[in-house]
PDB file of N, CA and C in Angstrom:
ATOM      1  N   UNK A   1      42.318 101.759 144.210  1.00  0.00           N
ATOM      2  CA  UNK A   1      41.743 101.402 142.926  1.00  0.00           C
ATOM      3  C   UNK A   1      40.809 102.514 142.461  1.00  0.00           C
ATOM      4  N   UNK A   2      40.969 102.921 141.227  1.00  0.00           N
ATOM      5  CA  UNK A   2      40.130 103.960 140.682  1.00  0.00           C
ATOM      6  C   UNK A   2      38.738 103.427 140.366  1.00  0.00           C
ATOM      7  N   UNK A   3      37.787 104.313 140.458  1.00  0.00           N
ATOM      8  CA  UNK A   3      36.419 103.939 140.116  1.00  0.00           C
ATOM      9  C   UNK A   3      36.271 103.903 138.602  1.00  0.00           C
ATOM     10  N   UNK A   4      35.642 102.860 138.093  1.00  0.00           N
ATOM     11  CA  UNK A   4      35.365 102.777 136.661  1.00  0.00           C
ATOM     12  C   UNK A   4      34.157 103.643 136.329  1.00  0.00           C
ATOM     13  N   UNK A   5      34.202 104.287 135.182  1.00  0.00           N
ATOM     14  CA  UNK A   5      33.113 105.163 134.777  1.00  0.00           C
ATOM     15  C   UNK A   5      32.199 104.456 133.783  1.00  0.00           C
ATOM     16  N   UNK A   6      30.923 104.793 133.866  1.00  0.00           N
ATOM     17  CA  UNK A   6      29.956 104.331 132.886  1.00  0.00           C
ATOM     18  C   UNK A   6      30.046 105.195 131.641  1.00  0.00           C
ATOM     19  N   UNK A   7      29.751 104.611 130.488  1.00  0.00           N
ATOM     20  CA  UNK A   7      29.565 105.401 129.275  1.00  0.00           C
ATOM     21  C   UNK A   7      28.162 105.981 129.338  1.00  0.00           C
ATOM     22  N   UNK A   8      28.083 107.288 129.364  1.00  0.00           N
ATOM     23  CA  UNK A   8      26.785 107.933 129.562  1.00  0.00           C
ATOM     24  C   UNK A   8      25.823 107.661 128.410  1.00  0.00           C
ATOM     25  N   UNK A   9      26.344 107.551 127.198  1.00  0.00           N
ATOM     26  CA  UNK A   9      25.468 107.263 126.052  1.00  0.00           C
ATOM     27  C   UNK A   9      24.848 105.877 126.188  1.00  0.00           C
ATOM     28  N   UNK A  10      25.644 104.907 126.632  1.00  0.00           N
ATOM     29  CA  UNK A  10      25.129 103.552 126.814  1.00  0.00           C
ATOM     30  C   UNK A  10      24.172 103.484 127.995  1.00  0.00           C
ATOM     31  N   UNK A  11      24.449 104.279 129.012  1.00  0.00           N
ATOM     32  CA  UNK A  11      23.586 104.293 130.192  1.00  0.00           C
ATOM     33  C   UNK A  11      22.182 104.767 129.845  1.00  0.00           C
ATOM     34  N   UNK A  12      22.079 105.695 128.865  1.00  0.00           N
ATOM     35  CA  UNK A  12      20.773 106.207 128.455  1.00  0.00           C
ATOM     36  C   UNK A  12      20.038 105.233 127.536  1.00  0.00           C
ATOM     37  N   UNK A  13      20.753 104.341 126.870  1.00  0.00           N
ATOM     38  CA  UNK A  13      20.136 103.484 125.857  1.00  0.00           C
ATOM     39  C   UNK A  13      19.779 102.089 126.348  1.00  0.00           C
ATOM     40  N   UNK A  14      20.490 101.581 127.337  1.00  0.00           N
ATOM     41  CA  UNK A  14      20.308 100.192 127.764  1.00  0.00           C
ATOM     42  C   UNK A  14      19.917 100.124 129.224  1.00  0.00           C
ATOM     43  N   UNK A  15      19.115  99.109 129.549  1.00  0.00           N
ATOM     44  CA  UNK A  15      18.707  98.852 130.919  1.00  0.00           C
ATOM     45  C   UNK A  15      19.015  97.405 131.240  1.00  0.00           C
ATOM     46  N   UNK A  16      19.624  97.168 132.390  1.00  0.00           N
ATOM     47  CA  UNK A  16      20.005  95.813 132.770  1.00  0.00           C
ATOM     48  C   UNK A  16      18.848  95.124 133.489  1.00  0.00           C
ATOM     49  N   UNK A  17      18.611  93.859 133.143  1.00  0.00           N
ATOM     50  CA  UNK A  17      17.569  93.076 133.794  1.00  0.00           C
ATOM     51  C   UNK A  17      18.170  92.290 134.944  1.00  0.00           C
ATOM     52  N   UNK A  18      17.320  91.656 135.723  1.00  0.00           N
ATOM     53  CA  UNK A  18      17.786  90.872 136.869  1.00  0.00           C
ATOM     54  C   UNK A  18      18.557  89.636 136.421  1.00  0.00           C
ATOM     55  N   UNK A  19      18.260  89.138 135.234  1.00  0.00           N
ATOM     56  CA  UNK A  19      18.942  87.945 134.721  1.00  0.00           C
ATOM     57  C   UNK A  19      20.295  88.271 134.103  1.00  0.00           C
ATOM     58  N   UNK A  20      20.637  89.569 134.017  1.00  0.00           N
ATOM     59  CA  UNK A  20      21.916  89.954 133.442  1.00  0.00           C
ATOM     60  C   UNK A  20      21.853  90.323 131.975  1.00  0.00           C
ATOM     61  N   UNK A  21      20.660  90.290 131.393  1.00  0.00           N
ATOM     62  CA  UNK A  21      20.509  90.714 130.003  1.00  0.00           C
ATOM     63  C   UNK A  21      20.321  92.230 129.943  1.00  0.00           C
ATOM     64  N   UNK A  22      20.308  92.770 128.726  1.00  0.00           N
ATOM     65  CA  UNK A  22      20.108  94.199 128.538  1.00  0.00           C
ATOM     66  C   UNK A  22      18.916  94.425 127.634  1.00  0.00           C
ATOM     67  N   UNK A  23      18.139  95.444 127.956  1.00  0.00           N
ATOM     68  CA  UNK A  23      16.981  95.811 127.161  1.00  0.00           C
ATOM     69  C   UNK A  23      17.318  97.028 126.320  1.00  0.00           C
ATOM     70  N   UNK A  24      16.704  97.102 125.138  1.00  0.00           N
ATOM     71  CA  UNK A  24      16.916  98.237 124.250  1.00  0.00           C
ATOM     72  C   UNK A  24      15.617  98.551 123.530  1.00  0.00           C
ATOM     73  N   UNK A  25      15.566  99.753 122.963  1.00  0.00           N
ATOM     74  CA  UNK A  25      14.427 100.153 122.156  1.00  0.00           C
ATOM     75  C   UNK A  25      14.737  99.915 120.690  1.00  0.00           C
ATOM     76  N   UNK A  26      13.694  99.893 119.880  1.00  0.00           N
ATOM     77  CA  UNK A  26      13.874  99.762 118.444  1.00  0.00           C
ATOM     78  C   UNK A  26      14.320 101.089 117.833  1.00  0.00           C
ATOM     79  N   UNK A  27      14.991 101.001 116.711  1.00  0.00           N
ATOM     80  CA  UNK A  27      15.351 102.187 115.941  1.00  0.00           C
ATOM     81  C   UNK A  27      14.178 102.598 115.052  1.00  0.00           C
ATOM     82  N   UNK A  28      14.290 103.742 114.398  1.00  0.00           N
ATOM     83  CA  UNK A  28      13.317 104.258 113.424  1.00  0.00           C
ATOM     84  C   UNK A  28      11.992 104.659 114.059  1.00  0.00           C
ATOM     85  N   UNK A  29      11.992 105.036 115.310  1.00  0.00           N
ATOM     86  CA  UNK A  29      10.763 105.480 115.972  1.00  0.00           C
ATOM     87  C   UNK A  29      10.880 106.928 116.408  1.00  0.00           C
ATOM     88  N   UNK A  30      11.947 107.631 116.026  1.00  0.00           N
ATOM     89  CA  UNK A  30      12.180 108.972 116.520  1.00  0.00           C
ATOM     90  C   UNK A  30      11.476 110.063 115.740  1.00  0.00           C
ATOM     91  N   UNK A  31      11.362 109.929 114.432  1.00  0.00           N
ATOM     92  CA  UNK A  31      10.763 110.979 113.617  1.00  0.00           C
ATOM     93  C   UNK A  31      10.276 110.369 112.309  1.00  0.00           C
ATOM     94  N   UNK A  32       9.668 111.202 111.462  1.00  0.00           N
ATOM     95  CA  UNK A  32       9.078 110.770 110.182  1.00  0.00           C
ATOM     96  C   UNK A  32       8.065 109.647 110.392  1.00  0.00           C
ATOM     97  N   UNK A  33       7.151 109.877 111.327  1.00  0.00           N
ATOM     98  CA  UNK A  33       6.203 108.831 111.694  1.00  0.00           C
ATOM     99  C   UNK A  33       4.909 108.873 110.888  1.00  0.00           C
ATOM    100  N   UNK A  34       4.699 109.914 110.084  1.00  0.00           N
ATOM    101  CA  UNK A  34       3.421 110.028 109.385  1.00  0.00           C
ATOM    102  C   UNK A  34       3.261 108.988 108.281  1.00  0.00           C
ATOM    103  N   UNK A  35       4.365 108.624 107.610  1.00  0.00           N
ATOM    104  CA  UNK A  35       4.229 107.674 106.506  1.00  0.00           C
ATOM    105  C   UNK A  35       4.360 106.230 106.962  1.00  0.00           C
ATOM    106  N   UNK A  36       4.637 106.008 108.242  1.00  0.00           N
ATOM    107  CA  UNK A  36       4.732 104.637 108.760  1.00  0.00           C
ATOM    108  C   UNK A  36       3.343 104.187 109.212  1.00  0.00           C
ATOM    109  N   UNK A  37       3.068 102.914 109.022  1.00  0.00           N
ATOM    110  CA  UNK A  37       1.758 102.396 109.383  1.00  0.00           C
ATOM    111  C   UNK A  37       1.644 102.272 110.901  1.00  0.00           C
ATOM    112  N   UNK A  38       0.408 102.171 111.356  1.00  0.00           N
ATOM    113  CA  UNK A  38       0.165 102.006 112.791  1.00  0.00           C
ATOM    114  C   UNK A  38       0.770 100.707 113.293  1.00  0.00           C
ATOM    115  N   UNK A  39       0.710  99.672 112.465  1.00  0.00           N
ATOM    116  CA  UNK A  39       1.274  98.380 112.857  1.00  0.00           C
ATOM    117  C   UNK A  39       2.779  98.472 113.041  1.00  0.00           C
ATOM    118  N   UNK A  40       3.447  99.143 112.115  1.00  0.00           N
ATOM    119  CA  UNK A  40       4.898  99.279 112.207  1.00  0.00           C
ATOM    120  C   UNK A  40       5.290 100.084 113.440  1.00  0.00           C
ATOM    121  N   UNK A  41       4.582 101.181 113.690  1.00  0.00           N
ATOM    122  CA  UNK A  41       4.895 102.013 114.848  1.00  0.00           C
ATOM    123  C   UNK A  41       4.647 101.256 116.153  1.00  0.00           C
ATOM    124  N   UNK A  42       3.605 100.440 116.189  1.00  0.00           N
ATOM    125  CA  UNK A  42       3.312  99.659 117.386  1.00  0.00           C
ATOM    126  C   UNK A  42       4.393  98.622 117.641  1.00  0.00           C
ATOM    127  N   UNK A  43       4.867  97.972 116.577  1.00  0.00           N
ATOM    128  CA  UNK A  43       5.930  96.984 116.727  1.00  0.00           C
ATOM    129  C   UNK A  43       7.258  97.620 117.121  1.00  0.00           C
ATOM    130  N   UNK A  44       7.496  98.857 116.669  1.00  0.00           N
ATOM    131  CA  UNK A  44       8.725  99.548 117.032  1.00  0.00           C
ATOM    132  C   UNK A  44       8.705 100.049 118.469  1.00  0.00           C
ATOM    133  N   UNK A  45       7.537 100.099 119.094  1.00  0.00           N
ATOM    134  CA  UNK A  45       7.432 100.590 120.471  1.00  0.00           C
ATOM    135  C   UNK A  45       7.821  99.540 121.496  1.00  0.00           C
ATOM    136  N   UNK A  46       7.909  98.286 121.090  1.00  0.00           N
ATOM    137  CA  UNK A  46       8.187  97.199 122.026  1.00  0.00           C
ATOM    138  C   UNK A  46       9.661  97.227 122.428  1.00  0.00           C
ATOM    139  N   UNK A  47       9.929  97.064 123.717  1.00  0.00           N
ATOM    140  CA  UNK A  47      11.295  96.955 124.224  1.00  0.00           C
ATOM    141  C   UNK A  47      11.724  95.497 124.103  1.00  0.00           C
ATOM    142  N   UNK A  48      12.928  95.268 123.581  1.00  0.00           N
ATOM    143  CA  UNK A  48      13.398  93.907 123.360  1.00  0.00           C
ATOM    144  C   UNK A  48      14.768  93.709 124.008  1.00  0.00           C
ATOM    145  N   UNK A  49      15.165  92.463 124.127  1.00  0.00           N
ATOM    146  CA  UNK A  49      16.476  92.133 124.676  1.00  0.00           C
ATOM    147  C   UNK A  49      17.542  92.314 123.599  1.00  0.00           C
ATOM    148  N   UNK A  50      18.714  92.710 124.041  1.00  0.00           N
ATOM    149  CA  UNK A  50      19.852  92.867 123.141  1.00  0.00           C
ATOM    150  C   UNK A  50      20.332  91.481 122.724  1.00  0.00           C
ATOM    151  N   UNK A  51      20.868  91.374 121.526  1.00  0.00           N
ATOM    152  CA  UNK A  51      21.409  90.112 121.032  1.00  0.00           C
ATOM    153  C   UNK A  51      22.537  89.629 121.950  1.00  0.00           C
ATOM    154  N   UNK A  52      22.648  88.334 122.184  1.00  0.00           N
ATOM    155  CA  UNK A  52      23.733  87.819 123.038  1.00  0.00           C
ATOM    156  C   UNK A  52      25.128  88.171 122.528  1.00  0.00           C
ATOM    157  N   UNK A  53      25.272  88.380 121.221  1.00  0.00           N
ATOM    158  CA  UNK A  53      26.573  88.760 120.674  1.00  0.00           C
ATOM    159  C   UNK A  53      26.985  90.165 121.111  1.00  0.00           C
ATOM    160  N   UNK A  54      26.018  91.009 121.439  1.00  0.00           N
ATOM    161  CA  UNK A  54      26.316  92.384 121.822  1.00  0.00           C
ATOM    162  C   UNK A  54      26.389  92.584 123.330  1.00  0.00           C
ATOM    163  N   UNK A  55      26.165  91.543 124.114  1.00  0.00           N
ATOM    164  CA  UNK A  55      26.170  91.693 125.566  1.00  0.00           C
ATOM    165  C   UNK A  55      27.551  92.067 126.101  1.00  0.00           C
ATOM    166  N   UNK A  56      28.616  91.485 125.559  1.00  0.00           N
ATOM    167  CA  UNK A  56      29.959  91.735 126.092  1.00  0.00           C
ATOM    168  C   UNK A  56      30.385  93.189 125.923  1.00  0.00           C
ATOM    169  N   UNK A  57      30.245  93.806 124.722  1.00  0.00           N
ATOM    170  CA  UNK A  57      30.616  95.223 124.618  1.00  0.00           C
ATOM    171  C   UNK A  57      29.792  96.143 125.518  1.00  0.00           C
ATOM    172  N   UNK A  58      28.510  95.832 125.678  1.00  0.00           N
ATOM    173  CA  UNK A  58      27.666  96.660 126.544  1.00  0.00           C
ATOM    174  C   UNK A  58      28.089  96.494 127.994  1.00  0.00           C
ATOM    175  N   UNK A  59      28.464  95.288 128.372  1.00  0.00           N
ATOM    176  CA  UNK A  59      28.900  95.048 129.746  1.00  0.00           C
ATOM    177  C   UNK A  59      30.182  95.832 130.048  1.00  0.00           C
ATOM    178  N   UNK A  60      31.064  95.993 129.061  1.00  0.00           N
ATOM    179  CA  UNK A  60      32.268  96.783 129.252  1.00  0.00           C
ATOM    180  C   UNK A  60      31.934  98.273 129.398  1.00  0.00           C
ATOM    181  N   UNK A  61      30.902  98.731 128.701  1.00  0.00           N
ATOM    182  CA  UNK A  61      30.524 100.138 128.777  1.00  0.00           C
ATOM    183  C   UNK A  61      29.792 100.463 130.077  1.00  0.00           C
ATOM    184  N   UNK A  62      29.144  99.453 130.665  1.00  0.00           N
ATOM    185  CA  UNK A  62      28.361  99.657 131.890  1.00  0.00           C
ATOM    186  C   UNK A  62      28.869  98.732 132.991  1.00  0.00           C
ATOM    187  N   UNK A  63      29.978  99.072 133.647  1.00  0.00           N
ATOM    188  CA  UNK A  63      30.538  98.156 134.636  1.00  0.00           C
ATOM    189  C   UNK A  63      29.708  98.021 135.902  1.00  0.00           C
ATOM    190  N   UNK A  64      28.849  99.005 136.226  1.00  0.00           N
ATOM    191  CA  UNK A  64      28.072  98.940 137.464  1.00  0.00           C
ATOM    192  C   UNK A  64      26.602  98.826 137.180  1.00  0.00           C
TER     193      UNK A  64
END
């Protein structure tokens, strides 16, 4: 049996939790931060769980 490969892009973006969920970062935090408020930047820094609808495609990209 051949070894399944991880998608490297997905491996860098998602982290699997012990419960089987995936964590992700918010978008819009990479650049152009001067015109964003401190509150918005603080809220974008929080790591959140991926939507349950997106768990199946991510699980296919990250078999291990």
